[in-house]
Amino acid sequence: MGWNDLASTQDKSTLDLMAEYRAAVRARDTERRAALEAQVKERVLHHIHPHGLEGVVWRLVSEVEALHGSGLRTYNDVQLLQETTLRLISDAAREVLKP
């Protein structure tokens, strides 16, 4: 068995699913992309229940992608978002952890 009881992320079924997902993204078929994304998440979340920080990350990524994903077109866009998000999360964590 592989990581978190997943047989493999390279099995034919997973590879086919990811190929379909990439095709939907390229075709800007948001309905099909969302359905395929839900299948991937279900497959992964069946084995991994996000909790703690992992759950926060899953939720943040899903929200950002749903609201702004199509606008983040370049590597620089994504890098800037990542740097800004890390600063904001770090500030929020410091606030939460204040004695």
Protein backbone atom coordinates (compact mmCIF):
# COMPACT_ATOMS: atom_id res chain seq x y z
CA MET A 1 0.00 0.00 0.00
CA GLY A 2 1.19 3.51 -0.71
CA TRP A 3 0.87 6.83 1.00
CA ASN A 4 -2.13 7.04 3.38
CA ASP A 5 -3.45 3.67 2.11
CA LEU A 6 -3.74 4.91 -1.48
CA ALA A 7 -2.62 2.16 -3.80
CA SER A 8 -0.93 4.68 -6.08
CA THR A 9 -1.32 8.11 -7.56
CA GLN A 10 0.03 6.61 -10.78
CA ASP A 11 -2.63 3.96 -11.36
CA LYS A 12 -4.48 4.10 -14.68
CA SER A 13 -7.72 5.30 -13.11
CA THR A 14 -6.03 8.26 -11.38
CA LEU A 15 -3.97 9.14 -14.43
CA ASP A 16 -7.10 9.08 -16.61
CA LEU A 17 -8.99 11.23 -14.13
CA MET A 18 -6.18 13.79 -14.01
CA ALA A 19 -5.95 13.84 -17.82
CA GLU A 20 -9.69 14.55 -18.01
CA TYR A 21 -9.28 17.29 -15.40
CA ARG A 22 -6.43 18.94 -17.34
CA ALA A 23 -8.50 18.79 -20.54
CA ALA A 24 -11.44 20.46 -18.79
CA VAL A 25 -9.17 23.19 -17.43
CA ARG A 26 -7.68 23.84 -20.88
CA ALA A 27 -11.16 23.89 -22.44
CA ARG A 28 -12.34 26.28 -19.69
CA ASP A 29 -15.20 23.87 -19.02
CA THR A 30 -15.81 25.01 -15.47
CA GLU A 31 -18.72 22.64 -14.87
CA ARG A 32 -16.75 19.55 -15.95
CA ARG A 33 -13.62 20.79 -14.13
CA ALA A 34 -15.58 21.20 -10.90
CA ALA A 35 -17.09 17.71 -11.22
CA LEU A 36 -13.70 16.13 -11.87
CA GLU A 37 -12.11 18.11 -9.06
CA ALA A 38 -14.82 16.84 -6.72
CA GLN A 39 -14.00 13.27 -7.77
CA VAL A 40 -10.31 13.77 -7.08
CA LYS A 41 -11.03 15.33 -3.68
CA GLU A 42 -13.43 12.53 -2.80
CA ARG A 43 -10.82 9.95 -3.73
CA VAL A 44 -8.17 11.64 -1.61
CA LEU A 45 -10.40 12.68 1.28
CA HIS A 46 -11.70 9.14 1.55
CA HIS A 47 -8.21 8.29 2.81
CA ILE A 48 -7.22 11.61 4.36
CA HIS A 49 -9.53 13.56 6.58
CA PRO A 50 -8.19 17.11 6.60
CA HIS A 51 -7.97 18.49 10.07
CA GLY A 52 -5.92 21.11 11.77
CA LEU A 53 -3.68 23.09 9.45
CA GLU A 54 -4.16 20.63 6.59
CA GLY A 55 -7.89 21.38 6.63
CA VAL A 56 -7.21 25.12 6.65
CA VAL A 57 -5.00 24.77 3.59
CA TRP A 58 -7.56 22.67 1.67
CA ARG A 59 -10.29 25.21 2.42
CA LEU A 60 -8.16 28.25 1.53
CA VAL A 61 -7.02 26.75 -1.75
CA SER A 62 -10.57 25.76 -2.69
CA GLU A 63 -11.92 29.21 -1.88
CA VAL A 64 -9.17 31.08 -3.74
CA GLU A 65 -9.49 28.84 -6.78
CA ALA A 66 -13.28 29.19 -6.83
CA LEU A 67 -13.17 32.98 -6.49
CA HIS A 68 -10.04 33.90 -8.42
CA GLY A 69 -8.53 30.80 -10.05
CA SER A 70 -9.15 31.85 -13.63
CA GLY A 71 -7.54 35.23 -12.95
CA LEU A 72 -4.29 33.71 -11.72
CA ARG A 73 -2.80 33.12 -15.12
CA THR A 74 0.95 33.44 -14.71
CA TYR A 75 3.60 31.94 -12.49
CA ASN A 76 4.26 35.45 -11.12
CA ASP A 77 0.57 35.85 -10.19
CA VAL A 78 0.68 32.62 -8.22
CA GLN A 79 4.02 33.48 -6.58
CA LEU A 80 2.76 36.90 -5.50
CA LEU A 81 -0.41 35.32 -4.11
CA GLN A 82 1.66 32.75 -2.24
CA GLU A 83 4.00 35.35 -0.70
CA THR A 84 1.13 37.63 0.30
CA THR A 85 -0.89 34.74 1.72
CA LEU A 86 2.05 33.47 3.78
CA ARG A 87 2.52 36.93 5.31
CA LEU A 88 -1.18 37.24 6.13
CA ILE A 89 -1.40 33.75 7.63
CA SER A 90 1.74 34.31 9.66
CA ASP A 91 0.31 37.57 11.02
CA ALA A 92 -2.99 35.85 11.83
CA ALA A 93 -1.20 32.97 13.60
CA ARG A 94 0.79 35.44 15.72
CA GLU A 95 -2.48 37.17 16.65
CA VAL A 96 -4.17 33.89 17.59
CA LEU A 97 -1.15 32.75 19.62
CA LYS A 98 -0.82 35.96 21.63
CA PRO A 99 -0.77 35.25 25.36
